[in-house]
Amino acid sequence: MSTPQRIAFKVHGTVQGVGFRDYTMKRAVEYGLKGWVKNTDCGRVEGEAQGPEDTLQKFLKDINTGPRMAHVVKLENKNLASRDDDVEFALRKTSKSTFETL
């Protein structure tokens, strides 16, 4: 079995108040990914996801589209070291963006 990959993602556009976190969570759970998603206080959605590389690519493709009412302008992602402390995919409360510091 290959080592899981981990990515951080940040979604720009109309992504708050349109069910984006729930959509992201549903896709991640469907794909069996671990990690988290949250709204940022600067109006974006960001998180981390971990799983097989091909699954992560499908997941990124989905969140680049988002739910019906969303309008994704830009999706950023970067590779991180995989971790083994996530047991599931979680919803985190709104907070400052941490994407730039990774």
N, C-alpha and C. Protein backbone atom coordinates (compact mmCIF):
# COMPACT_ATOMS: atom_id res chain seq x y z
N MET A 1 0.85 -1.19 0.00
CA MET A 1 0.00 0.00 0.00
C MET A 1 0.89 1.25 0.00
N SER A 2 0.53 2.24 -0.79
CA SER A 2 1.36 3.44 -0.89
C SER A 2 1.12 4.35 0.31
N THR A 3 2.10 5.17 0.59
CA THR A 3 2.01 6.13 1.68
C THR A 3 0.94 7.17 1.32
N PRO A 4 0.06 7.49 2.27
CA PRO A 4 -0.94 8.52 1.95
C PRO A 4 -0.29 9.88 1.72
N GLN A 5 -0.90 10.66 0.85
CA GLN A 5 -0.45 12.02 0.58
C GLN A 5 -1.32 12.96 1.41
N ARG A 6 -0.77 14.11 1.78
CA ARG A 6 -1.55 15.12 2.51
C ARG A 6 -1.39 16.45 1.79
N ILE A 7 -2.49 17.14 1.65
CA ILE A 7 -2.48 18.46 1.02
C ILE A 7 -3.21 19.47 1.91
N ALA A 8 -2.83 20.71 1.75
CA ALA A 8 -3.58 21.83 2.33
C ALA A 8 -4.28 22.48 1.14
N PHE A 9 -5.52 22.92 1.33
CA PHE A 9 -6.22 23.60 0.24
C PHE A 9 -6.88 24.88 0.74
N LYS A 10 -7.00 25.83 -0.18
CA LYS A 10 -7.63 27.12 0.12
C LYS A 10 -8.48 27.49 -1.08
N VAL A 11 -9.76 27.76 -0.82
CA VAL A 11 -10.71 28.03 -1.90
C VAL A 11 -11.16 29.48 -1.83
N HIS A 12 -11.00 30.20 -2.95
CA HIS A 12 -11.38 31.61 -3.06
C HIS A 12 -12.66 31.72 -3.88
N GLY A 13 -13.46 32.74 -3.58
CA GLY A 13 -14.67 32.99 -4.37
C GLY A 13 -15.88 33.08 -3.45
N THR A 14 -17.06 32.78 -3.99
CA THR A 14 -18.28 32.75 -3.19
C THR A 14 -18.37 31.36 -2.58
N VAL A 15 -17.76 31.21 -1.40
CA VAL A 15 -17.64 29.88 -0.79
C VAL A 15 -18.14 29.83 0.65
N GLN A 16 -18.66 30.94 1.15
CA GLN A 16 -19.25 30.93 2.49
C GLN A 16 -20.74 31.24 2.36
N GLY A 17 -21.54 30.56 3.18
CA GLY A 17 -23.00 30.75 3.14
C GLY A 17 -23.67 30.00 2.00
N VAL A 18 -22.94 29.08 1.37
CA VAL A 18 -23.50 28.33 0.23
C VAL A 18 -23.38 26.81 0.44
N GLY A 19 -23.06 26.38 1.68
CA GLY A 19 -22.94 24.96 1.97
C GLY A 19 -21.63 24.34 1.53
N PHE A 20 -20.61 25.17 1.37
CA PHE A 20 -19.33 24.67 0.85
C PHE A 20 -18.64 23.70 1.79
N ARG A 21 -18.64 24.03 3.10
CA ARG A 21 -17.99 23.12 4.06
C ARG A 21 -18.70 21.77 4.10
N ASP A 22 -20.01 21.79 4.12
CA ASP A 22 -20.77 20.53 4.14
C ASP A 22 -20.50 19.72 2.88
N TYR A 23 -20.45 20.39 1.75
CA TYR A 23 -20.16 19.74 0.47
C TYR A 23 -18.77 19.09 0.51
N THR A 24 -17.79 19.85 1.01
CA THR A 24 -16.41 19.36 1.11
C THR A 24 -16.34 18.15 2.03
N MET A 25 -17.02 18.25 3.18
CA MET A 25 -17.06 17.17 4.16
C MET A 25 -17.66 15.90 3.54
N LYS A 26 -18.78 16.07 2.85
CA LYS A 26 -19.47 14.93 2.23
C LYS A 26 -18.56 14.23 1.22
N ARG A 27 -17.89 15.01 0.37
CA ARG A 27 -16.97 14.43 -0.62
C ARG A 27 -15.82 13.70 0.06
N ALA A 28 -15.24 14.33 1.07
CA ALA A 28 -14.10 13.73 1.79
C ALA A 28 -14.49 12.40 2.43
N VAL A 29 -15.66 12.37 3.06
CA VAL A 29 -16.13 11.14 3.71
C VAL A 29 -16.40 10.07 2.66
N GLU A 30 -17.04 10.46 1.55
CA GLU A 30 -17.30 9.52 0.44
C GLU A 30 -16.00 8.88 -0.05
N TYR A 31 -14.94 9.68 -0.13
CA TYR A 31 -13.64 9.21 -0.63
C TYR A 31 -12.78 8.55 0.45
N GLY A 32 -13.24 8.59 1.71
CA GLY A 32 -12.48 7.99 2.79
C GLY A 32 -11.24 8.79 3.19
N LEU A 33 -11.28 10.11 2.96
CA LEU A 33 -10.15 10.96 3.30
C LEU A 33 -10.20 11.36 4.78
N LYS A 34 -9.04 11.71 5.31
CA LYS A 34 -8.95 12.24 6.67
C LYS A 34 -8.50 13.69 6.55
N GLY A 35 -8.81 14.48 7.58
CA GLY A 35 -8.40 15.88 7.56
C GLY A 35 -9.46 16.77 8.17
N TRP A 36 -9.59 17.98 7.65
CA TRP A 36 -10.54 18.95 8.18
C TRP A 36 -10.83 20.06 7.17
N VAL A 37 -11.90 20.81 7.43
CA VAL A 37 -12.28 21.97 6.61
C VAL A 37 -12.86 23.03 7.54
N LYS A 38 -12.64 24.31 7.18
CA LYS A 38 -13.20 25.41 7.97
C LYS A 38 -13.40 26.64 7.09
N ASN A 39 -14.23 27.56 7.57
CA ASN A 39 -14.31 28.89 6.97
C ASN A 39 -13.19 29.71 7.60
N THR A 40 -12.65 30.65 6.84
CA THR A 40 -11.68 31.57 7.42
C THR A 40 -12.36 32.91 7.63
N ASP A 41 -11.82 33.70 8.54
CA ASP A 41 -12.44 35.00 8.80
C ASP A 41 -12.17 36.01 7.69
N CYS A 42 -11.42 35.60 6.66
CA CYS A 42 -11.21 36.49 5.50
C CYS A 42 -12.10 36.06 4.32
N GLY A 43 -13.09 35.19 4.57
CA GLY A 43 -14.08 34.87 3.55
C GLY A 43 -13.78 33.68 2.66
N ARG A 44 -12.78 32.89 3.01
CA ARG A 44 -12.44 31.72 2.18
C ARG A 44 -12.73 30.44 2.94
N VAL A 45 -12.54 29.33 2.26
CA VAL A 45 -12.65 28.02 2.91
C VAL A 45 -11.30 27.35 2.75
N GLU A 46 -10.81 26.75 3.82
CA GLU A 46 -9.54 26.04 3.71
C GLU A 46 -9.56 24.79 4.57
N GLY A 47 -8.59 23.94 4.32
CA GLY A 47 -8.50 22.72 5.11
C GLY A 47 -7.32 21.88 4.68
N GLU A 48 -7.31 20.66 5.20
CA GLU A 48 -6.29 19.69 4.85
C GLU A 48 -6.99 18.37 4.57
N ALA A 49 -6.45 17.61 3.63
CA ALA A 49 -7.01 16.31 3.31
C ALA A 49 -5.87 15.33 3.10
N GLN A 50 -6.09 14.10 3.52
CA GLN A 50 -5.07 13.07 3.40
C GLN A 50 -5.68 11.78 2.90
N GLY A 51 -4.99 11.16 1.95
CA GLY A 51 -5.44 9.89 1.38
C GLY A 51 -4.59 9.55 0.17
N PRO A 52 -5.01 8.52 -0.58
CA PRO A 52 -4.27 8.16 -1.80
C PRO A 52 -4.25 9.31 -2.80
N GLU A 53 -3.15 9.45 -3.52
CA GLU A 53 -2.98 10.58 -4.44
C GLU A 53 -4.10 10.68 -5.48
N ASP A 54 -4.50 9.56 -6.09
CA ASP A 54 -5.56 9.61 -7.10
C ASP A 54 -6.89 10.07 -6.50
N THR A 55 -7.14 9.68 -5.26
CA THR A 55 -8.37 10.10 -4.57
C THR A 55 -8.32 11.59 -4.27
N LEU A 56 -7.17 12.08 -3.85
CA LEU A 56 -7.02 13.51 -3.57
C LEU A 56 -7.25 14.33 -4.84
N GLN A 57 -6.79 13.83 -5.98
CA GLN A 57 -6.99 14.55 -7.25
C GLN A 57 -8.49 14.66 -7.56
N LYS A 58 -9.25 13.59 -7.35
CA LYS A 58 -10.71 13.62 -7.57
C LYS A 58 -11.37 14.61 -6.62
N PHE A 59 -10.92 14.59 -5.36
CA PHE A 59 -11.45 15.48 -4.33
C PHE A 59 -11.21 16.94 -4.71
N LEU A 60 -9.98 17.26 -5.15
CA LEU A 60 -9.66 18.63 -5.57
C LEU A 60 -10.52 19.06 -6.76
N LYS A 61 -10.74 18.14 -7.68
CA LYS A 61 -11.57 18.45 -8.84
C LYS A 61 -13.00 18.81 -8.38
N ASP A 62 -13.51 18.04 -7.42
CA ASP A 62 -14.86 18.31 -6.88
C ASP A 62 -14.92 19.67 -6.19
N ILE A 63 -13.96 19.96 -5.32
CA ILE A 63 -14.06 21.23 -4.59
C ILE A 63 -13.69 22.43 -5.47
N ASN A 64 -13.06 22.19 -6.59
CA ASN A 64 -12.82 23.27 -7.53
C ASN A 64 -14.13 23.70 -8.20
N THR A 65 -15.11 22.81 -8.19
CA THR A 65 -16.45 23.13 -8.70
C THR A 65 -17.33 23.60 -7.55
N GLY A 66 -17.35 22.84 -6.47
CA GLY A 66 -18.14 23.21 -5.29
C GLY A 66 -19.62 22.92 -5.47
N PRO A 67 -20.41 23.23 -4.43
CA PRO A 67 -21.86 23.04 -4.52
C PRO A 67 -22.47 24.03 -5.51
N ARG A 68 -23.70 23.81 -5.84
CA ARG A 68 -24.39 24.56 -6.89
C ARG A 68 -24.36 26.08 -6.71
N MET A 69 -24.52 26.56 -5.50
CA MET A 69 -24.58 28.01 -5.26
C MET A 69 -23.20 28.67 -5.12
N ALA A 70 -22.17 27.86 -5.07
CA ALA A 70 -20.81 28.41 -4.91
C ALA A 70 -20.26 28.90 -6.24
N HIS A 71 -19.30 29.79 -6.15
CA HIS A 71 -18.58 30.24 -7.34
C HIS A 71 -17.10 30.26 -6.98
N VAL A 72 -16.38 29.22 -7.37
CA VAL A 72 -14.95 29.12 -7.06
C VAL A 72 -14.16 29.93 -8.08
N VAL A 73 -13.38 30.87 -7.59
CA VAL A 73 -12.55 31.71 -8.43
C VAL A 73 -11.15 31.11 -8.53
N LYS A 74 -10.66 30.58 -7.42
CA LYS A 74 -9.31 30.02 -7.41
C LYS A 74 -9.22 28.94 -6.34
N LEU A 75 -8.51 27.86 -6.65
CA LEU A 75 -8.24 26.80 -5.68
C LEU A 75 -6.73 26.64 -5.58
N GLU A 76 -6.21 26.88 -4.39
CA GLU A 76 -4.78 26.70 -4.16
C GLU A 76 -4.59 25.41 -3.38
N ASN A 77 -3.49 24.72 -3.61
CA ASN A 77 -3.16 23.58 -2.76
C ASN A 77 -1.66 23.40 -2.70
N LYS A 78 -1.22 22.81 -1.62
CA LYS A 78 0.20 22.52 -1.45
C LYS A 78 0.36 21.20 -0.72
N ASN A 79 1.46 20.52 -0.99
CA ASN A 79 1.73 19.23 -0.36
C ASN A 79 2.28 19.43 1.05
N LEU A 80 1.85 18.55 1.94
CA LEU A 80 2.32 18.56 3.32
C LEU A 80 2.84 17.17 3.66
N ALA A 81 3.50 17.05 4.79
CA ALA A 81 3.92 15.73 5.26
C ALA A 81 2.67 15.02 5.79
N SER A 82 2.53 13.73 5.51
CA SER A 82 1.36 13.01 6.01
C SER A 82 1.44 12.88 7.52
N ARG A 83 0.26 12.77 8.15
CA ARG A 83 0.17 12.68 9.60
C ARG A 83 -0.71 11.50 9.96
N ASP A 84 -0.58 11.02 11.18
CA ASP A 84 -1.45 9.91 11.55
C ASP A 84 -2.30 10.22 12.78
N ASP A 85 -2.50 11.51 13.06
CA ASP A 85 -3.34 11.86 14.22
C ASP A 85 -4.79 12.18 13.85
N ASP A 86 -5.12 12.24 12.56
CA ASP A 86 -6.51 12.43 12.14
C ASP A 86 -7.20 11.07 12.10
N VAL A 87 -8.37 10.98 12.73
CA VAL A 87 -9.11 9.72 12.66
C VAL A 87 -10.27 9.79 11.67
N GLU A 88 -10.65 11.01 11.29
CA GLU A 88 -11.76 11.19 10.36
C GLU A 88 -11.60 12.54 9.67
N PHE A 89 -12.61 12.95 8.93
CA PHE A 89 -12.63 14.28 8.33
C PHE A 89 -13.53 15.13 9.20
N ALA A 90 -13.02 16.26 9.69
CA ALA A 90 -13.75 17.06 10.68
C ALA A 90 -14.07 18.47 10.17
N LEU A 91 -15.09 19.04 10.76
CA LEU A 91 -15.48 20.41 10.50
C LEU A 91 -14.91 21.25 11.64
N ARG A 92 -14.12 22.26 11.31
CA ARG A 92 -13.55 23.13 12.34
C ARG A 92 -14.28 24.46 12.35
N LYS A 93 -14.22 25.15 13.49
CA LYS A 93 -14.90 26.45 13.56
C LYS A 93 -14.10 27.52 12.82
N THR A 94 -14.80 28.55 12.41
CA THR A 94 -14.20 29.67 11.68
C THR A 94 -13.04 30.26 12.46
N SER A 95 -11.94 30.49 11.77
CA SER A 95 -10.78 31.11 12.40
C SER A 95 -9.89 31.73 11.34
N LYS A 96 -8.77 32.31 11.78
CA LYS A 96 -7.82 32.91 10.85
C LYS A 96 -7.27 31.87 9.89
N SER A 97 -6.87 32.32 8.73
CA SER A 97 -6.24 31.44 7.75
C SER A 97 -4.86 31.01 8.24
N THR A 98 -4.55 29.74 8.05
CA THR A 98 -3.21 29.24 8.40
C THR A 98 -2.48 28.79 7.14
N PHE A 99 -3.14 28.90 5.99
CA PHE A 99 -2.59 28.37 4.73
C PHE A 99 -1.21 28.93 4.40
N GLU A 100 -1.04 30.24 4.56
CA GLU A 100 0.22 30.89 4.17
C GLU A 100 1.39 30.46 5.06
N THR A 101 1.10 30.02 6.28
CA THR A 101 2.16 29.67 7.22
C THR A 101 2.63 28.23 7.06
N LEU A 102 1.97 27.45 6.23
CA LEU A 102 2.34 26.03 6.08
C LEU A 102 3.57 25.86 5.23
